[in-house]
Amino acid sequence: MTSLIENASATRKVLRGRPYSLNEFTRRYRLDEGEAKRLYEKFGPSATELDLLMAAKRRPPVLADFDA
């Protein structure tokens, strides 16, 4: 029983920063829907995590401010 609880807590990610919506992430980095969905599902909705990932891929965000 404890191993199930430990596994569940180990797989749960902590959300760092504000969350992106999938649509916002797709527009911000001009990704096609399939690629954006794959990355979003793999790395979660954390804007911090996704921004770091895209910086590592050398994909700068579009200059428009989507925070408004």
Foldseek 3Di string as FASTA:
>chain_A
DVVVVVVVVVPDDDADADFDDLVRLCQFQVHDSVVSVVCCVVQHRRPVRSCVVCVVVVGHTDPDDPPD
